[in-house]
C-alpha atoms as a PDB file:
ATOM      1  CA  MET A   1     122.963 -37.060 143.556  1.00  0.00           C
ATOM      2  CA  SER A   2     123.427 -33.870 141.545  1.00  0.00           C
ATOM      3  CA  VAL A   3     126.526 -31.746 142.038  1.00  0.00           C
ATOM      4  CA  LEU A   4     126.996 -28.224 140.666  1.00  0.00           C
ATOM      5  CA  ILE A   5     130.570 -27.198 139.840  1.00  0.00           C
ATOM      6  CA  VAL A   6     131.351 -23.508 139.314  1.00  0.00           C
ATOM      7  CA  PRO A   7     134.905 -22.514 138.386  1.00  0.00           C
ATOM      8  CA  CYS A   8     135.657 -18.846 138.928  1.00  0.00           C
ATOM      9  CA  PHE A   9     138.403 -16.280 138.713  1.00  0.00           C
ATOM     10  CA  VAL A  10     137.330 -13.124 140.531  1.00  0.00           C
ATOM     11  CA  ARG A  11     139.063  -9.919 139.445  1.00  0.00           C
ATOM     12  CA  THR A  12     136.641  -7.214 140.618  1.00  0.00           C
ATOM     13  CA  LYS A  13     133.586  -6.418 142.739  1.00  0.00           C
ATOM     14  CA  TRP A  14     131.521  -6.896 139.592  1.00  0.00           C
ATOM     15  CA  ASP A  15     132.617 -10.576 139.470  1.00  0.00           C
ATOM     16  CA  ILE A  16     131.560 -11.019 143.104  1.00  0.00           C
ATOM     17  CA  GLY A  17     128.149  -9.547 142.295  1.00  0.00           C
ATOM     18  CA  CYS A  18     127.808 -11.998 139.391  1.00  0.00           C
ATOM     19  CA  LEU A  19     128.794 -14.932 141.600  1.00  0.00           C
ATOM     20  CA  GLN A  20     126.324 -13.906 144.305  1.00  0.00           C
ATOM     21  CA  ARG A  21     123.570 -13.496 141.684  1.00  0.00           C
ATOM     22  CA  LEU A  22     124.327 -17.030 140.429  1.00  0.00           C
ATOM     23  CA  LEU A  23     124.228 -18.480 143.951  1.00  0.00           C
ATOM     24  CA  ILE A  24     120.880 -16.798 144.641  1.00  0.00           C
ATOM     25  CA  SER A  25     119.544 -18.533 141.503  1.00  0.00           C
ATOM     26  CA  VAL A  26     121.007 -21.802 142.857  1.00  0.00           C
ATOM     27  CA  GLN A  27     119.024 -21.302 146.078  1.00  0.00           C
ATOM     28  CA  LYS A  28     115.803 -20.910 144.062  1.00  0.00           C
ATOM     29  CA  GLN A  29     116.044 -24.258 142.248  1.00  0.00           C
ATOM     30  CA  THR A  30     112.861 -26.374 142.228  1.00  0.00           C
ATOM     31  CA  LYS A  31     115.160 -29.388 142.698  1.00  0.00           C
ATOM     32  CA  PRO A  32     118.007 -28.421 145.033  1.00  0.00           C
ATOM     33  CA  PHE A  33     121.540 -29.539 144.263  1.00  0.00           C
ATOM     34  CA  ASP A  34     122.939 -32.102 146.664  1.00  0.00           C
ATOM     35  CA  LYS A  35     126.293 -30.330 146.635  1.00  0.00           C
ATOM     36  CA  VAL A  36     127.628 -27.050 145.226  1.00  0.00           C
ATOM     37  CA  TYR A  37     131.338 -26.468 144.665  1.00  0.00           C
ATOM     38  CA  VAL A  38     132.678 -23.013 143.851  1.00  0.00           C
ATOM     39  CA  VAL A  39     136.276 -23.566 142.792  1.00  0.00           C
ATOM     40  CA  ASP A  40     138.229 -20.311 142.918  1.00  0.00           C
ATOM     41  CA  ASP A  41     141.178 -20.467 140.525  1.00  0.00           C
ATOM     42  CA  ALA A  42     143.620 -18.379 142.607  1.00  0.00           C
ATOM     43  CA  SER A  43     141.686 -15.122 142.189  1.00  0.00           C
ATOM     44  CA  PRO A  44     143.643 -11.920 142.921  1.00  0.00           C
ATOM     45  CA  TYR A  45     140.564 -10.396 144.611  1.00  0.00           C
ATOM     46  CA  SER A  46     139.815 -11.435 148.197  1.00  0.00           C
ATOM     47  CA  TYR A  47     136.202 -12.231 149.085  1.00  0.00           C
ATOM     48  CA  THR A  48     133.920 -14.433 151.183  1.00  0.00           C
ATOM     49  CA  LEU A  49     130.660 -16.097 150.244  1.00  0.00           C
ATOM     50  CA  PRO A  50     127.657 -15.675 152.569  1.00  0.00           C
ATOM     51  CA  PHE A  51     126.066 -18.980 151.496  1.00  0.00           C
ATOM     52  CA  ASP A  52     126.260 -22.003 153.804  1.00  0.00           C
ATOM     53  CA  PHE A  53     125.269 -24.501 151.090  1.00  0.00           C
ATOM     54  CA  VAL A  54     128.456 -23.820 149.088  1.00  0.00           C
ATOM     55  CA  GLU A  55     131.780 -25.538 149.544  1.00  0.00           C
ATOM     56  CA  HIS A  56     134.248 -22.828 148.556  1.00  0.00           C
ATOM     57  CA  ILE A  57     137.515 -24.309 147.321  1.00  0.00           C
ATOM     58  CA  ARG A  58     140.397 -21.861 146.865  1.00  0.00           C
ATOM     59  CA  LEU A  59     143.285 -22.935 144.673  1.00  0.00           C
ATOM     60  CA  SER A  60     146.704 -21.456 145.421  1.00  0.00           C
ATOM     61  CA  VAL A  61     147.936 -21.482 141.810  1.00  0.00           C
ATOM     62  CA  ASN A  62     145.966 -20.423 138.749  1.00  0.00           C
ATOM     63  CA  GLY A  63     145.518 -23.358 136.383  1.00  0.00           C
ATOM     64  CA  GLY A  64     142.613 -22.244 134.221  1.00  0.00           C
ATOM     65  CA  PRO A  65     138.951 -23.208 134.220  1.00  0.00           C
ATOM     66  CA  ALA A  66     139.534 -26.824 133.124  1.00  0.00           C
ATOM     67  CA  ARG A  67     141.742 -27.505 136.140  1.00  0.00           C
ATOM     68  CA  ALA A  68     139.240 -25.803 138.456  1.00  0.00           C
ATOM     69  CA  ARG A  69     136.411 -27.926 137.008  1.00  0.00           C
ATOM     70  CA  ASN A  70     138.469 -31.074 137.438  1.00  0.00           C
ATOM     71  CA  ILE A  71     139.043 -30.303 141.130  1.00  0.00           C
ATOM     72  CA  GLY A  72     135.252 -30.147 141.515  1.00  0.00           C
ATOM     73  CA  ILE A  73     134.847 -33.315 139.439  1.00  0.00           C
ATOM     74  CA  ASP A  74     137.279 -35.200 141.711  1.00  0.00           C
ATOM     75  CA  LYS A  75     135.285 -34.150 144.780  1.00  0.00           C
ATOM     76  CA  ALA A  76     131.972 -35.083 143.134  1.00  0.00           C
ATOM     77  CA  LEU A  77     133.277 -38.490 142.044  1.00  0.00           C
ATOM     78  CA  ALA A  78     134.478 -39.134 145.605  1.00  0.00           C
ATOM     79  CA  LEU A  79     130.824 -38.661 146.672  1.00  0.00           C
ATOM     80  CA  ASN A  80     129.647 -41.042 143.902  1.00  0.00           C
ATOM     81  CA  ALA A  81     127.654 -38.250 142.304  1.00  0.00           C
ATOM     82  CA  GLN A  82     125.428 -39.375 139.454  1.00  0.00           C
ATOM     83  CA  TYR A  83     124.954 -35.964 137.815  1.00  0.00           C
ATOM     84  CA  LEU A  84     127.704 -33.395 137.322  1.00  0.00           C
ATOM     85  CA  LEU A  85     126.416 -29.972 136.285  1.00  0.00           C
ATOM     86  CA  PHE A  86     128.592 -27.076 135.195  1.00  0.00           C
ATOM     87  CA  THR A  87     127.989 -23.361 134.944  1.00  0.00           C
ATOM     88  CA  ASP A  88     130.055 -20.189 135.105  1.00  0.00           C
ATOM     89  CA  HIS A  89     130.092 -17.573 137.846  1.00  0.00           C
ATOM     90  CA  ASP A  90     128.486 -14.944 135.626  1.00  0.00           C
ATOM     91  CA  CYS A  91     125.416 -17.015 134.715  1.00  0.00           C
ATOM     92  CA  ILE A  92     121.908 -17.034 136.193  1.00  0.00           C
ATOM     93  CA  LEU A  93     120.160 -20.401 136.349  1.00  0.00           C
ATOM     94  CA  ASP A  94     116.516 -20.817 135.428  1.00  0.00           C
ATOM     95  CA  LYS A  95     114.694 -22.029 138.552  1.00  0.00           C
ATOM     96  CA  GLN A  96     114.106 -25.460 136.919  1.00  0.00           C
ATOM     97  CA  TRP A  97     117.634 -25.819 135.528  1.00  0.00           C
ATOM     98  CA  ASN A  98     118.787 -28.690 137.768  1.00  0.00           C
ATOM     99  CA  GLU A  99     115.418 -30.434 137.522  1.00  0.00           C
ATOM    100  CA  GLN A 100     115.300 -30.254 133.708  1.00  0.00           C
ATOM    101  CA  MET A 101     118.962 -31.090 133.069  1.00  0.00           C
ATOM    102  CA  THR A 102     118.875 -34.184 135.300  1.00  0.00           C
ATOM    103  CA  LEU A 103     115.473 -35.227 133.899  1.00  0.00           C
ATOM    104  CA  VAL A 104     116.826 -35.235 130.327  1.00  0.00           C
ATOM    105  CA  LEU A 105     119.841 -37.273 131.421  1.00  0.00           C
ATOM    106  CA  THR A 106     117.581 -39.726 133.243  1.00  0.00           C
ATOM    107  CA  GLN A 107     115.054 -40.218 130.451  1.00  0.00           C
ATOM    108  CA  ALA A 108     117.209 -39.944 127.326  1.00  0.00           C
ATOM    109  CA  LYS A 109     120.084 -42.039 126.067  1.00  0.00           C
ATOM    110  CA  TYR A 110     122.598 -39.214 126.319  1.00  0.00           C
ATOM    111  CA  GLY A 111     125.726 -39.045 128.429  1.00  0.00           C
ATOM    112  CA  ALA A 112     125.885 -35.244 128.351  1.00  0.00           C
ATOM    113  CA  VAL A 113     123.424 -32.428 127.660  1.00  0.00           C
ATOM    114  CA  GLY A 114     123.591 -28.667 127.324  1.00  0.00           C
ATOM    115  CA  GLY A 115     120.882 -26.070 127.522  1.00  0.00           C
ATOM    116  CA  ILE A 116     120.138 -22.866 125.678  1.00  0.00           C
ATOM    117  CA  THR A 117     121.983 -19.846 127.032  1.00  0.00           C
ATOM    118  CA  TYR A 118     120.883 -16.272 126.459  1.00  0.00           C
ATOM    119  CA  SER A 119     122.858 -13.099 127.028  1.00  0.00           C
ATOM    120  CA  TRP A 120     121.899 -11.059 130.052  1.00  0.00           C
ATOM    121  CA  GLY A 121     122.765  -7.713 128.489  1.00  0.00           C
ATOM    122  CA  LYS A 122     121.317  -5.800 125.566  1.00  0.00           C
ATOM    123  CA  THR A 123     124.455  -4.792 123.700  1.00  0.00           C
ATOM    124  CA  LEU A 124     125.240  -5.586 120.080  1.00  0.00           C
ATOM    125  CA  LEU A 125     127.615  -8.336 121.278  1.00  0.00           C
ATOM    126  CA  ASP A 126     124.832  -9.858 123.434  1.00  0.00           C
ATOM    127  CA  TYR A 127     122.512  -9.811 120.416  1.00  0.00           C
ATOM    128  CA  TYR A 128     125.233 -11.470 118.301  1.00  0.00           C
ATOM    129  CA  HIS A 129     125.578 -14.312 120.849  1.00  0.00           C
ATOM    130  CA  ASP A 130     121.812 -14.839 121.013  1.00  0.00           C
ATOM    131  CA  ILE A 131     121.414 -14.948 117.211  1.00  0.00           C
ATOM    132  CA  ASN A 132     124.491 -17.059 116.430  1.00  0.00           C
ATOM    133  CA  GLY A 133     124.250 -19.448 119.363  1.00  0.00           C
ATOM    134  CA  THR A 134     127.828 -18.893 120.467  1.00  0.00           C
ATOM    135  CA  LEU A 135     126.799 -19.264 124.125  1.00  0.00           C
ATOM    136  CA  SER A 136     124.671 -22.351 123.429  1.00  0.00           C
ATOM    137  CA  GLY A 137     127.040 -24.364 121.243  1.00  0.00           C
ATOM    138  CA  LYS A 138     127.327 -24.797 117.520  1.00  0.00           C
ATOM    139  CA  TRP A 139     125.583 -27.383 115.373  1.00  0.00           C
ATOM    140  CA  LEU A 140     127.176 -28.916 112.311  1.00  0.00           C
ATOM    141  CA  LEU A 141     125.180 -27.692 109.344  1.00  0.00           C
ATOM    142  CA  PRO A 142     123.055 -28.193 107.367  1.00  0.00           C
ATOM    143  CA  GLU A 143     121.210 -31.084 109.064  1.00  0.00           C
ATOM    144  CA  LYS A 144     122.058 -30.126 112.667  1.00  0.00           C
ATOM    145  CA  LYS A 145     122.507 -33.816 113.512  1.00  0.00           C
ATOM    146  CA  GLU A 146     125.678 -33.312 115.527  1.00  0.00           C
ATOM    147  CA  LEU A 147     126.612 -30.738 118.112  1.00  0.00           C
ATOM    148  CA  TRP A 148     130.053 -29.387 117.236  1.00  0.00           C
ATOM    149  CA  TYR A 149     130.681 -28.075 120.725  1.00  0.00           C
ATOM    150  CA  MET A 150     128.748 -27.526 123.919  1.00  0.00           C
ATOM    151  CA  PRO A 151     129.905 -24.719 126.210  1.00  0.00           C
ATOM    152  CA  SER A 152     130.755 -25.746 129.733  1.00  0.00           C
ATOM    153  CA  LEU A 153     128.811 -22.821 131.165  1.00  0.00           C
ATOM    154  CA  ASN A 154     125.554 -24.706 130.688  1.00  0.00           C
ATOM    155  CA  SER A 155     126.099 -28.445 130.644  1.00  0.00           C
ATOM    156  CA  SER A 156     125.677 -31.646 132.599  1.00  0.00           C
ATOM    157  CA  VAL A 157     127.118 -35.151 132.496  1.00  0.00           C
ATOM    158  CA  LEU A 158     125.594 -38.463 133.593  1.00  0.00           C
ATOM    159  CA  MET A 159     128.223 -40.493 135.422  1.00  0.00           C
ATOM    160  CA  LYS A 160     128.283 -44.264 135.243  1.00  0.00           C
ATOM    161  CA  SER A 161     130.597 -46.414 137.302  1.00  0.00           C
ATOM    162  CA  SER A 162     132.220 -47.667 134.098  1.00  0.00           C
ATOM    163  CA  GLN A 163     133.221 -44.165 132.904  1.00  0.00           C
ATOM    164  CA  PRO A 164     134.728 -42.161 135.787  1.00  0.00           C
ATOM    165  CA  GLN A 165     137.079 -40.238 133.467  1.00  0.00           C
ATOM    166  CA  LEU A 166     134.364 -39.147 131.003  1.00  0.00           C
ATOM    167  CA  ALA A 167     133.685 -35.790 132.636  1.00  0.00           C
ATOM    168  CA  LYS A 168     137.354 -34.805 132.702  1.00  0.00           C
ATOM    169  CA  MET A 169     137.823 -35.703 129.060  1.00  0.00           C
ATOM    170  CA  LEU A 170     134.792 -33.631 128.063  1.00  0.00           C
ATOM    171  CA  ILE A 171     135.960 -30.602 130.012  1.00  0.00           C
ATOM    172  CA  TYR A 172     139.557 -30.832 128.828  1.00  0.00           C
ATOM    173  CA  ALA A 173     138.394 -31.263 125.246  1.00  0.00           C
ATOM    174  CA  TYR A 174     136.435 -28.029 125.574  1.00  0.00           C
ATOM    175  CA  ASP A 175     139.217 -26.035 127.233  1.00  0.00           C
ATOM    176  CA  PHE A 176     142.010 -27.569 125.137  1.00  0.00           C
ATOM    177  CA  GLY A 177     143.952 -28.578 128.255  1.00  0.00           C
ATOM    178  CA  VAL A 178     146.960 -30.819 128.047  1.00  0.00           C
ATOM    179  CA  ASN A 179     147.478 -32.236 131.537  1.00  0.00           C
ATOM    180  CA  ILE A 180     144.847 -35.001 131.675  1.00  0.00           C
ATOM    181  CA  LYS A 181     145.390 -37.203 134.712  1.00  0.00           C
END
């Protein structure tokens, strides 16, 4: 079972457009997700989602993206999900994203994987991110044998019954949270 977890904090109509664009790309997956959680982190902007495949969870108090992800993780673990996939509300998924991410986790000896992320825009900042890999993680140089960090906007975790807290530790390590349950 693959579960997609999307934390979001919607401030404007632009954010809603991004979220809807993401969810359209979710609908186009060659391997559909078994469950999709959009975890709204107490957004100040009111909105509804016209997608029946999404469970929209609205938090009453803003706790940051790590807390929002962990709410989704708790729900996914309650379903005994095998694959937890994470992206951000302003991303667009390649149509084979779920298929490829879960395939790598199934066939390789990795507990977590991340994909390449490209900027959607054409600004100098977008170009900087594409060239320097800031959206795709950073490798320790010069051998590139270890990934220094992997952004949560494009990652997945293989859950095993012996490691139910692994996903939370990975997310909190990325977001530098302090309230690990």
